[in-house]
Each structure stands twice: as structure tokens, then as C-alpha cells.
PDB file of N, CA and C in Angstrom:
ATOM      1  N   MET A   1       0.848  -1.167   0.000  1.00  0.00           N
ATOM      2  CA  MET A   1       0.000   0.000   0.000  1.00  0.00           C
ATOM      3  C   MET A   1       0.900   1.239   0.000  1.00  0.00           C
ATOM      4  N   PHE A   2       0.536   2.231  -0.811  1.00  0.00           N
ATOM      5  CA  PHE A   2       1.292   3.479  -0.868  1.00  0.00           C
ATOM      6  C   PHE A   2       0.478   4.582  -0.201  1.00  0.00           C
ATOM      7  N   VAL A   3       1.096   5.278   0.712  1.00  0.00           N
ATOM      8  CA  VAL A   3       0.459   6.416   1.385  1.00  0.00           C
ATOM      9  C   VAL A   3       1.322   7.638   1.122  1.00  0.00           C
ATOM     10  N   ASP A   4       0.726   8.660   0.523  1.00  0.00           N
ATOM     11  CA  ASP A   4       1.447   9.901   0.246  1.00  0.00           C
ATOM     12  C   ASP A   4       1.318  10.805   1.471  1.00  0.00           C
ATOM     13  N   ILE A   5       2.376  10.847   2.259  1.00  0.00           N
ATOM     14  CA  ILE A   5       2.372  11.598   3.519  1.00  0.00           C
ATOM     15  C   ILE A   5       2.171  13.088   3.271  1.00  0.00           C
ATOM     16  N   GLU A   6       2.780  13.603   2.206  1.00  0.00           N
ATOM     17  CA  GLU A   6       2.627  15.029   1.909  1.00  0.00           C
ATOM     18  C   GLU A   6       1.170  15.383   1.635  1.00  0.00           C
ATOM     19  N   VAL A   7       0.480  14.510   0.911  1.00  0.00           N
ATOM     20  CA  VAL A   7      -0.934  14.759   0.620  1.00  0.00           C
ATOM     21  C   VAL A   7      -1.759  14.694   1.908  1.00  0.00           C
ATOM     22  N   LEU A   8      -1.427  13.764   2.788  1.00  0.00           N
ATOM     23  CA  LEU A   8      -2.118  13.708   4.085  1.00  0.00           C
ATOM     24  C   LEU A   8      -1.891  14.997   4.870  1.00  0.00           C
ATOM     25  N   HIS A   9      -0.664  15.500   4.871  1.00  0.00           N
ATOM     26  CA  HIS A   9      -0.381  16.759   5.569  1.00  0.00           C
ATOM     27  C   HIS A   9      -1.139  17.921   4.934  1.00  0.00           C
ATOM     28  N   LEU A  10      -1.181  17.960   3.599  1.00  0.00           N
ATOM     29  CA  LEU A  10      -1.925  19.024   2.918  1.00  0.00           C
ATOM     30  C   LEU A  10      -3.410  18.957   3.273  1.00  0.00           C
ATOM     31  N   GLY A  11      -3.966  17.755   3.252  1.00  0.00           N
ATOM     32  CA  GLY A  11      -5.371  17.588   3.617  1.00  0.00           C
ATOM     33  C   GLY A  11      -5.637  17.983   5.056  1.00  0.00           C
ATOM     34  N   ALA A  12      -4.723  17.624   5.940  1.00  0.00           N
ATOM     35  CA  ALA A  12      -4.868  17.993   7.350  1.00  0.00           C
ATOM     36  C   ALA A  12      -4.851  19.504   7.503  1.00  0.00           C
ATOM     37  N   ASN A  13      -3.925  20.160   6.822  1.00  0.00           N
ATOM     38  CA  ASN A  13      -3.853  21.622   6.898  1.00  0.00           C
ATOM     39  C   ASN A  13      -5.095  22.276   6.313  1.00  0.00           C
ATOM     40  N   ASP A  14      -5.578  21.763   5.176  1.00  0.00           N
ATOM     41  CA  ASP A  14      -6.789  22.322   4.573  1.00  0.00           C
ATOM     42  C   ASP A  14      -7.992  22.160   5.496  1.00  0.00           C
ATOM     43  N   ALA A  15      -8.122  20.993   6.111  1.00  0.00           N
ATOM     44  CA  ALA A  15      -9.245  20.759   7.028  1.00  0.00           C
ATOM     45  C   ALA A  15      -9.162  21.693   8.230  1.00  0.00           C
ATOM     46  N   ARG A  16      -7.965  21.854   8.776  1.00  0.00           N
ATOM     47  CA  ARG A  16      -7.804  22.766   9.921  1.00  0.00           C
ATOM     48  C   ARG A  16      -8.134  24.202   9.535  1.00  0.00           C
ATOM     49  N   HIS A  17      -7.656  24.626   8.361  1.00  0.00           N
ATOM     50  CA  HIS A  17      -7.953  25.993   7.926  1.00  0.00           C
ATOM     51  C   HIS A  17      -9.455  26.189   7.710  1.00  0.00           C
ATOM     52  N   ALA A  18     -10.103  25.198   7.128  1.00  0.00           N
ATOM     53  CA  ALA A  18     -11.551  25.280   6.935  1.00  0.00           C
ATOM     54  C   ALA A  18     -12.261  25.353   8.285  1.00  0.00           C
ATOM     55  N   GLY A  19     -11.794  24.575   9.245  1.00  0.00           N
ATOM     56  CA  GLY A  19     -12.368  24.629  10.591  1.00  0.00           C
ATOM     57  C   GLY A  19     -12.181  25.991  11.229  1.00  0.00           C
ATOM     58  N   GLU A  20     -10.995  26.573  11.037  1.00  0.00           N
ATOM     59  CA  GLU A  20     -10.740  27.913  11.578  1.00  0.00           C
ATOM     60  C   GLU A  20     -11.659  28.945  10.934  1.00  0.00           C
ATOM     61  N   HIS A  21     -11.876  28.822   9.618  1.00  0.00           N
ATOM     62  CA  HIS A  21     -12.773  29.757   8.926  1.00  0.00           C
ATOM     63  C   HIS A  21     -14.203  29.628   9.448  1.00  0.00           C
ATOM     64  N   ALA A  22     -14.641  28.398   9.652  1.00  0.00           N
ATOM     65  CA  ALA A  22     -15.994  28.188  10.170  1.00  0.00           C
ATOM     66  C   ALA A  22     -16.134  28.780  11.572  1.00  0.00           C
ATOM     67  N   MET A  23     -15.139  28.550  12.420  1.00  0.00           N
ATOM     68  CA  MET A  23     -15.195  29.111  13.779  1.00  0.00           C
ATOM     69  C   MET A  23     -15.130  30.636  13.743  1.00  0.00           C
ATOM     70  N   ASP A  24     -14.336  31.185  12.830  1.00  0.00           N
ATOM     71  CA  ASP A  24     -14.264  32.635  12.671  1.00  0.00           C
ATOM     72  C   ASP A  24     -15.618  33.183  12.226  1.00  0.00           C
ATOM     73  N   GLY A  25     -16.265  32.476  11.291  1.00  0.00           N
ATOM     74  CA  GLY A  25     -17.591  32.893  10.842  1.00  0.00           C
ATOM     75  C   GLY A  25     -18.605  32.876  11.971  1.00  0.00           C
ATOM     76  N   ALA A  26     -18.563  31.843  12.797  1.00  0.00           N
ATOM     77  CA  ALA A  26     -19.473  31.774  13.950  1.00  0.00           C
ATOM     78  C   ALA A  26     -19.198  32.927  14.904  1.00  0.00           C
ATOM     79  N   GLY A  27     -17.924  33.213  15.138  1.00  0.00           N
ATOM     80  CA  GLY A  27     -17.566  34.321  16.023  1.00  0.00           C
ATOM     81  C   GLY A  27     -18.041  35.655  15.490  1.00  0.00           C
ATOM     82  N   ARG A  28     -17.930  35.843  14.183  1.00  0.00           N
ATOM     83  CA  ARG A  28     -18.389  37.100  13.580  1.00  0.00           C
ATOM     84  C   ARG A  28     -19.900  37.231  13.693  1.00  0.00           C
ATOM     85  N   LEU A  29     -20.603  36.131  13.469  1.00  0.00           N
ATOM     86  CA  LEU A  29     -22.063  36.186  13.614  1.00  0.00           C
ATOM     87  C   LEU A  29     -22.464  36.516  15.048  1.00  0.00           C
ATOM     88  N   LEU A  30     -21.743  35.955  15.999  1.00  0.00           N
ATOM     89  CA  LEU A  30     -22.076  36.203  17.405  1.00  0.00           C
ATOM     90  C   LEU A  30     -21.825  37.649  17.817  1.00  0.00           C
ATOM     91  N   ARG A  31     -20.934  38.338  17.113  1.00  0.00           N
ATOM     92  CA  ARG A  31     -20.658  39.736  17.457  1.00  0.00           C
ATOM     93  C   ARG A  31     -21.765  40.673  17.006  1.00  0.00           C
ATOM     94  N   GLY A  32     -22.620  40.218  16.124  1.00  0.00           N
ATOM     95  CA  GLY A  32     -23.676  41.095  15.614  1.00  0.00           C
ATOM     96  C   GLY A  32     -25.057  40.556  15.909  1.00  0.00           C
ATOM     97  N   PRO A  33     -25.465  40.539  17.173  1.00  0.00           N
ATOM     98  CA  PRO A  33     -26.776  39.963  17.500  1.00  0.00           C
ATOM     99  C   PRO A  33     -27.914  40.782  16.892  1.00  0.00           C
ATOM    100  N   LEU A  34     -29.018  40.120  16.673  1.00  0.00           N
ATOM    101  CA  LEU A  34     -30.208  40.788  16.149  1.00  0.00           C
ATOM    102  C   LEU A  34     -30.935  41.478  17.297  1.00  0.00           C
ATOM    103  N   GLN A  35     -31.012  42.772  17.215  1.00  0.00           N
ATOM    104  CA  GLN A  35     -31.639  43.554  18.284  1.00  0.00           C
ATOM    105  C   GLN A  35     -33.159  43.441  18.210  1.00  0.00           C
ATOM    106  N   ALA A  36     -33.779  43.314  19.362  1.00  0.00           N
ATOM    107  CA  ALA A  36     -35.239  43.301  19.426  1.00  0.00           C
ATOM    108  C   ALA A  36     -35.743  44.652  18.944  1.00  0.00           C
ATOM    109  N   GLY A  37     -36.802  44.639  18.159  1.00  0.00           N
ATOM    110  CA  GLY A  37     -37.394  45.879  17.660  1.00  0.00           C
ATOM    111  C   GLY A  37     -36.715  46.438  16.428  1.00  0.00           C
ATOM    112  N   MET A  38     -35.725  45.760  15.900  1.00  0.00           N
ATOM    113  CA  MET A  38     -35.001  46.304  14.747  1.00  0.00           C
ATOM    114  C   MET A  38     -35.854  46.347  13.484  1.00  0.00           C
ATOM    115  N   PHE A  39     -36.943  45.586  13.449  1.00  0.00           N
ATOM    116  CA  PHE A  39     -37.839  45.602  12.295  1.00  0.00           C
ATOM    117  C   PHE A  39     -39.129  46.357  12.598  1.00  0.00           C
ATOM    118  N   GLY A  40     -39.196  46.941  13.756  1.00  0.00           N
ATOM    119  CA  GLY A  40     -40.388  47.687  14.155  1.00  0.00           C
ATOM    120  C   GLY A  40     -40.996  47.091  15.407  1.00  0.00           C
ATOM    121  N   GLY A  41     -41.987  47.784  15.915  1.00  0.00           N
ATOM    122  CA  GLY A  41     -42.599  47.345  17.163  1.00  0.00           C
ATOM    123  C   GLY A  41     -43.938  46.665  16.986  1.00  0.00           C
ATOM    124  N   PHE A  42     -44.317  46.341  15.773  1.00  0.00           N
ATOM    125  CA  PHE A  42     -45.614  45.704  15.557  1.00  0.00           C
ATOM    126  C   PHE A  42     -45.456  44.182  15.564  1.00  0.00           C
ATOM    127  N   VAL A  43     -46.575  43.488  15.697  1.00  0.00           N
ATOM    128  CA  VAL A  43     -46.577  42.040  15.918  1.00  0.00           C
ATOM    129  C   VAL A  43     -45.859  41.281  14.799  1.00  0.00           C
ATOM    130  N   ALA A  44     -46.149  41.611  13.550  1.00  0.00           N
ATOM    131  CA  ALA A  44     -45.522  40.895  12.432  1.00  0.00           C
ATOM    132  C   ALA A  44     -44.003  41.081  12.449  1.00  0.00           C
ATOM    133  N   ALA A  45     -43.536  42.259  12.802  1.00  0.00           N
ATOM    134  CA  ALA A  45     -42.090  42.518  12.868  1.00  0.00           C
ATOM    135  C   ALA A  45     -41.456  41.695  13.981  1.00  0.00           C
ATOM    136  N   GLU A  46     -42.138  41.590  15.106  1.00  0.00           N
ATOM    137  CA  GLU A  46     -41.616  40.794  16.222  1.00  0.00           C
ATOM    138  C   GLU A  46     -41.581  39.308  15.865  1.00  0.00           C
ATOM    139  N   MET A  47     -42.613  38.847  15.144  1.00  0.00           N
ATOM    140  CA  MET A  47     -42.639  37.447  14.714  1.00  0.00           C
ATOM    141  C   MET A  47     -41.502  37.176  13.727  1.00  0.00           C
ATOM    142  N   PHE A  48     -41.296  38.116  12.793  1.00  0.00           N
ATOM    143  CA  PHE A  48     -40.210  37.971  11.834  1.00  0.00           C
ATOM    144  C   PHE A  48     -38.864  37.950  12.557  1.00  0.00           C
ATOM    145  N   HIS A  49     -38.715  38.808  13.545  1.00  0.00           N
ATOM    146  CA  HIS A  49     -37.476  38.849  14.330  1.00  0.00           C
ATOM    147  C   HIS A  49     -37.237  37.515  15.022  1.00  0.00           C
ATOM    148  N   ASP A  50     -38.283  36.933  15.594  1.00  0.00           N
ATOM    149  CA  ASP A  50     -38.151  35.648  16.283  1.00  0.00           C
ATOM    150  C   ASP A  50     -37.711  34.537  15.321  1.00  0.00           C
ATOM    151  N   VAL A  51     -38.332  34.502  14.130  1.00  0.00           N
ATOM    152  CA  VAL A  51     -37.979  33.488  13.136  1.00  0.00           C
ATOM    153  C   VAL A  51     -36.537  33.689  12.674  1.00  0.00           C
ATOM    154  N   LEU A  52     -36.184  34.934  12.399  1.00  0.00           N
ATOM    155  CA  LEU A  52     -34.827  35.243  11.956  1.00  0.00           C
ATOM    156  C   LEU A  52     -33.807  34.928  13.047  1.00  0.00           C
ATOM    157  N   ASN A  53     -34.154  35.215  14.279  1.00  0.00           N
ATOM    158  CA  ASN A  53     -33.267  34.938  15.409  1.00  0.00           C
ATOM    159  C   ASN A  53     -33.034  33.429  15.562  1.00  0.00           C
ATOM    160  N   SER A  54     -34.075  32.630  15.335  1.00  0.00           N
ATOM    161  CA  SER A  54     -33.925  31.170  15.402  1.00  0.00           C
ATOM    162  C   SER A  54     -32.992  30.671  14.302  1.00  0.00           C
ATOM    163  N   ALA A  55     -33.172  31.193  13.089  1.00  0.00           N
ATOM    164  CA  ALA A  55     -32.296  30.800  11.981  1.00  0.00           C
ATOM    165  C   ALA A  55     -30.863  31.238  12.257  1.00  0.00           C
ATOM    166  N   TYR A  56     -30.708  32.412  12.801  1.00  0.00           N
ATOM    167  CA  TYR A  56     -29.395  32.961  13.157  1.00  0.00           C
ATOM    168  C   TYR A  56     -28.691  32.034  14.150  1.00  0.00           C
ATOM    169  N   ALA A  57     -29.407  31.637  15.188  1.00  0.00           N
ATOM    170  CA  ALA A  57     -28.833  30.745  16.201  1.00  0.00           C
ATOM    171  C   ALA A  57     -28.473  29.390  15.589  1.00  0.00           C
ATOM    172  N   ALA A  58     -29.321  28.897  14.685  1.00  0.00           N
ATOM    173  CA  ALA A  58     -29.041  27.617  14.032  1.00  0.00           C
ATOM    174  C   ALA A  58     -27.780  27.711  13.174  1.00  0.00           C
ATOM    175  N   HIS A  59     -27.625  28.811  12.459  1.00  0.00           N
ATOM    176  CA  HIS A  59     -26.430  28.991  11.622  1.00  0.00           C
ATOM    177  C   HIS A  59     -25.167  29.073  12.474  1.00  0.00           C
ATOM    178  N   VAL A  60     -25.239  29.777  13.576  1.00  0.00           N
ATOM    179  CA  VAL A  60     -24.081  29.863  14.474  1.00  0.00           C
ATOM    180  C   VAL A  60     -23.723  28.465  14.977  1.00  0.00           C
ATOM    181  N   GLY A  61     -24.733  27.716  15.396  1.00  0.00           N
ATOM    182  CA  GLY A  61     -24.494  26.356  15.885  1.00  0.00           C
ATOM    183  C   GLY A  61     -23.893  25.453  14.819  1.00  0.00           C
ATOM    184  N   LEU A  62     -24.411  25.547  13.591  1.00  0.00           N
ATOM    185  CA  LEU A  62     -23.870  24.732  12.501  1.00  0.00           C
ATOM    186  C   LEU A  62     -22.424  25.103  12.192  1.00  0.00           C
ATOM    187  N   LEU A  63     -22.129  26.387  12.157  1.00  0.00           N
ATOM    188  CA  LEU A  63     -20.750  26.810  11.902  1.00  0.00           C
ATOM    189  C   LEU A  63     -19.811  26.303  12.988  1.00  0.00           C
ATOM    190  N   GLN A  64     -20.255  26.369  14.229  1.00  0.00           N
ATOM    191  CA  GLN A  64     -19.415  25.878  15.326  1.00  0.00           C
ATOM    192  C   GLN A  64     -19.192  24.373  15.209  1.00  0.00           C
ATOM    193  N   THR A  65     -20.249  23.639  14.886  1.00  0.00           N
ATOM    194  CA  THR A  65     -20.135  22.189  14.727  1.00  0.00           C
ATOM    195  C   THR A  65     -19.212  21.837  13.564  1.00  0.00           C
ATOM    196  N   HIS A  66     -19.399  22.524  12.431  1.00  0.00           N
ATOM    197  CA  HIS A  66     -18.522  22.276  11.283  1.00  0.00           C
ATOM    198  C   HIS A  66     -17.075  22.613  11.626  1.00  0.00           C
ATOM    199  N   GLY A  67     -16.880  23.710  12.334  1.00  0.00           N
ATOM    200  CA  GLY A  67     -15.524  24.099  12.728  1.00  0.00           C
ATOM    201  C   GLY A  67     -14.857  23.044  13.588  1.00  0.00           C
ATOM    202  N   GLU A  68     -15.591  22.542  14.568  1.00  0.00           N
ATOM    203  CA  GLU A  68     -15.038  21.509  15.453  1.00  0.00           C
ATOM    204  C   GLU A  68     -14.744  20.225  14.684  1.00  0.00           C
ATOM    205  N   THR A  69     -15.674  19.837  13.796  1.00  0.00           N
ATOM    206  CA  THR A  69     -15.508  18.608  13.022  1.00  0.00           C
ATOM    207  C   THR A  69     -14.305  18.698  12.090  1.00  0.00           C
ATOM    208  N   LEU A  70     -14.197  19.816  11.377  1.00  0.00           N
ATOM    209  CA  LEU A  70     -13.081  19.976  10.437  1.00  0.00           C
ATOM    210  C   LEU A  70     -11.739  20.057  11.151  1.00  0.00           C
ATOM    211  N   THR A  71     -11.702  20.752  12.271  1.00  0.00           N
ATOM    212  CA  THR A  71     -10.461  20.851  13.037  1.00  0.00           C
ATOM    213  C   THR A  71     -10.052  19.473  13.556  1.00  0.00           C
ATOM    214  N   SER A  72     -11.019  18.722  14.050  1.00  0.00           N
ATOM    215  CA  SER A  72     -10.751  17.365  14.532  1.00  0.00           C
ATOM    216  C   SER A  72     -10.274  16.463  13.392  1.00  0.00           C
ATOM    217  N   LEU A  73     -10.921  16.567  12.243  1.00  0.00           N
ATOM    218  CA  LEU A  73     -10.527  15.770  11.082  1.00  0.00           C
ATOM    219  C   LEU A  73      -9.093  16.089  10.668  1.00  0.00           C
ATOM    220  N   GLY A  74      -8.734  17.364  10.673  1.00  0.00           N
ATOM    221  CA  GLY A  74      -7.369  17.752  10.341  1.00  0.00           C
ATOM    222  C   GLY A  74      -6.366  17.154  11.303  1.00  0.00           C
ATOM    223  N   GLY A  75      -6.697  17.163  12.580  1.00  0.00           N
ATOM    224  CA  GLY A  75      -5.812  16.572  13.584  1.00  0.00           C
ATOM    225  C   GLY A  75      -5.645  15.077  13.386  1.00  0.00           C
ATOM    226  N   ARG A  76      -6.737  14.404  13.050  1.00  0.00           N
ATOM    227  CA  ARG A  76      -6.658  12.953  12.831  1.00  0.00           C
ATOM    228  C   ARG A  76      -5.861  12.617  11.574  1.00  0.00           C
ATOM    229  N   ALA A  77      -6.022  13.414  10.531  1.00  0.00           N
ATOM    230  CA  ALA A  77      -5.249  13.176   9.306  1.00  0.00           C
ATOM    231  C   ALA A  77      -3.762  13.380   9.573  1.00  0.00           C
ATOM    232  N   TYR A  78      -3.428  14.390  10.346  1.00  0.00           N
ATOM    233  CA  TYR A  78      -2.023  14.637  10.678  1.00  0.00           C
ATOM    234  C   TYR A  78      -1.460  13.472  11.500  1.00  0.00           C
ATOM    235  N   ARG A  79      -2.239  13.003  12.499  1.00  0.00           N
ATOM    236  CA  ARG A  79      -1.783  11.872  13.314  1.00  0.00           C
ATOM    237  C   ARG A  79      -1.626  10.608  12.464  1.00  0.00           C
ATOM    238  N   ALA A  80      -2.519  10.420  11.492  1.00  0.00           N
ATOM    239  CA  ALA A  80      -2.397   9.262  10.602  1.00  0.00           C
ATOM    240  C   ALA A  80      -1.103   9.346   9.795  1.00  0.00           C
ATOM    241  N   ALA A  81      -0.766  10.533   9.331  1.00  0.00           N
ATOM    242  CA  ALA A  81       0.486  10.707   8.584  1.00  0.00           C
ATOM    243  C   ALA A  81       1.686  10.373   9.460  1.00  0.00           C
ATOM    244  N   VAL A  82       1.657  10.805  10.703  1.00  0.00           N
ATOM    245  CA  VAL A  82       2.748  10.506  11.635  1.00  0.00           C
ATOM    246  C   VAL A  82       2.831   9.000  11.874  1.00  0.00           C
ATOM    247  N   GLU A  83       1.690   8.360  12.071  1.00  0.00           N
ATOM    248  CA  GLU A  83       1.677   6.908  12.301  1.00  0.00           C
ATOM    249  C   GLU A  83       2.219   6.146  11.095  1.00  0.00           C
ATOM    250  N   PHE A  84       1.807   6.541   9.881  1.00  0.00           N
ATOM    251  CA  PHE A  84       2.320   5.870   8.685  1.00  0.00           C
ATOM    252  C   PHE A  84       3.827   6.059   8.558  1.00  0.00           C
ATOM    253  N   THR A  85       4.309   7.260   8.845  1.00  0.00           N
ATOM    254  CA  THR A  85       5.751   7.524   8.774  1.00  0.00           C
ATOM    255  C   THR A  85       6.500   6.671   9.785  1.00  0.00           C
ATOM    256  N   ASP A  86       6.010   6.635  11.012  1.00  0.00           N
ATOM    257  CA  ASP A  86       6.652   5.818  12.054  1.00  0.00           C
ATOM    258  C   ASP A  86       6.643   4.338  11.680  1.00  0.00           C
ATOM    259  N   MET A  87       5.506   3.857  11.169  1.00  0.00           N
ATOM    260  CA  MET A  87       5.398   2.455  10.788  1.00  0.00           C
ATOM    261  C   MET A  87       6.372   2.142   9.650  1.00  0.00           C
ATOM    262  N   GLU A  88       6.469   3.034   8.685  1.00  0.00           N
ATOM    263  CA  GLU A  88       7.395   2.824   7.566  1.00  0.00           C
ATOM    264  C   GLU A  88       8.836   2.754   8.060  1.00  0.00           C
ATOM    265  N   GLN A  89       9.198   3.615   8.983  1.00  0.00           N
ATOM    266  CA  GLN A  89      10.560   3.608   9.527  1.00  0.00           C
ATOM    267  C   GLN A  89      10.837   2.327  10.313  1.00  0.00           C
ATOM    268  N   ARG A  90       9.862   1.882  11.105  1.00  0.00           N
ATOM    269  CA  ARG A  90      10.039   0.630  11.855  1.00  0.00           C
ATOM    270  C   ARG A  90      10.171  -0.556  10.907  1.00  0.00           C
ATOM    271  N   ASN A  91       9.303  -0.616   9.912  1.00  0.00           N
ATOM    272  CA  ASN A  91       9.343  -1.730   8.958  1.00  0.00           C
ATOM    273  C   ASN A  91      10.642  -1.731   8.158  1.00  0.00           C
ATOM    274  N   ALA A  92      11.107  -0.561   7.766  1.00  0.00           N
ATOM    275  CA  ALA A  92      12.377  -0.478   7.028  1.00  0.00           C
ATOM    276  C   ALA A  92      13.530  -0.953   7.900  1.00  0.00           C
ATOM    277  N   ALA A  93      13.513  -0.609   9.179  1.00  0.00           N
ATOM    278  CA  ALA A  93      14.574  -1.052  10.097  1.00  0.00           C
ATOM    279  C   ALA A  93      14.555  -2.568  10.250  1.00  0.00           C
ATOM    280  N   VAL A  94      13.363  -3.150  10.328  1.00  0.00           N
ATOM    281  CA  VAL A  94      13.247  -4.607  10.440  1.00  0.00           C
ATOM    282  C   VAL A  94      13.803  -5.271   9.180  1.00  0.00           C
ATOM    283  N   LEU A  95      13.461  -4.731   8.023  1.00  0.00           N
ATOM    284  CA  LEU A  95      13.968  -5.314   6.776  1.00  0.00           C
ATOM    285  C   LEU A  95      15.482  -5.182   6.659  1.00  0.00           C
ATOM    286  N   ARG A  96      16.037  -4.067   7.090  1.00  0.00           N
ATOM    287  CA  ARG A  96      17.490  -3.894   7.049  1.00  0.00           C
ATOM    288  C   ARG A  96      18.195  -4.863   7.996  1.00  0.00           C
ATOM    289  N   ALA A  97      17.518  -5.267   9.042  1.00  0.00           N
ATOM    290  CA  ALA A  97      18.122  -6.169  10.028  1.00  0.00           C
ATOM    291  C   ALA A  97      18.128  -7.625   9.569  1.00  0.00           C
ATOM    292  N   VAL A  98      17.383  -7.948   8.524  1.00  0.00           N
ATOM    293  CA  VAL A  98      17.345  -9.323   8.018  1.00  0.00           C
ATOM    294  C   VAL A  98      18.656  -9.597   7.290  1.00  0.00           C
ATOM    295  N   PRO A  99      19.358 -10.659   7.692  1.00  0.00           N
ATOM    296  CA  PRO A  99      20.643 -10.964   7.039  1.00  0.00           C
ATOM    297  C   PRO A  99      20.429 -11.466   5.615  1.00  0.00           C
ATOM    298  N   CYS A 100      21.295 -11.081   4.752  1.00  0.00           N
ATOM    299  CA  CYS A 100      21.249 -11.533   3.360  1.00  0.00           C
ATOM    300  C   CYS A 100      22.001 -12.864   3.281  1.00  0.00           C
ATOM    301  N   ILE A 101      21.316 -13.924   2.870  1.00  0.00           N
ATOM    302  CA  ILE A 101      21.961 -15.240   2.802  1.00  0.00           C
ATOM    303  C   ILE A 101      22.136 -15.703   1.361  1.00  0.00           C
ATOM    304  N   SER A 102      21.832 -14.852   0.427  1.00  0.00           N
ATOM    305  CA  SER A 102      21.971 -15.214  -0.981  1.00  0.00           C
ATOM    306  C   SER A 102      23.393 -14.940  -1.453  1.00  0.00           C
ATOM    307  N   SER A 103      23.902 -15.819  -2.301  1.00  0.00           N
ATOM    308  CA  SER A 103      25.249 -15.618  -2.838  1.00  0.00           C
ATOM    309  C   SER A 103      25.207 -14.895  -4.177  1.00  0.00           C
ATOM    310  N   THR A 104      24.023 -14.604  -4.681  1.00  0.00           N
ATOM    311  CA  THR A 104      23.924 -13.928  -5.976  1.00  0.00           C
ATOM    312  C   THR A 104      23.566 -12.488  -5.851  1.00  0.00           C
TER     313      THR A 104
END
């Protein structure tokens, strides 16, 4: 089996960066809360605000979840690359330790 460690590292970095962007997006959304009464003081405006506020909270939650998932995935990909590298080095050392008994 061939494992391209560089590609694993690139994927890990991309996943981490995507996770950071998602967390940054959630943080930016949280800095701009929807103020009560921003659409007016009548019933329909308050209902619209409530619906929009629910969607806003859902988007923040999704961004946070995606950020955590992508960051975790990046960490696991990086650890997998380290494990493959370590395993390759151990296996190569074992093969080098095998005595050559062939005369050809």
C-alpha cells in the first residue's frame, strides 16, 4: 500500500484551515446579535425577528459544529500521517536487520 504523507499533511492543513474559517464565521455572527425591535414594534415585525433569530442561532451552531468537526478531522489526518511515517521507519529497520543469505 502506498500512502502519500505530503498529501495527508496538505489535507490535514486544509481541514484545519476550513475549521478555523468556520469558527471565525461563527464568532463574527455572534458579534452582531439581532436587536429586538429592529424591524419595528408591531406584531408581524416581532414574529419575523423571532424566526430570523432562530435561523441565526441555528447557523451559528452549525458553523461551530462544522468548525469543530473539520479541526478534529485535520488533527486525525495529521496523526495518521505521523503513524504511517513511524510504521514505515520501523518496517524499514526490520527489513534492514534481516541478514542476506543469498550468494547472488
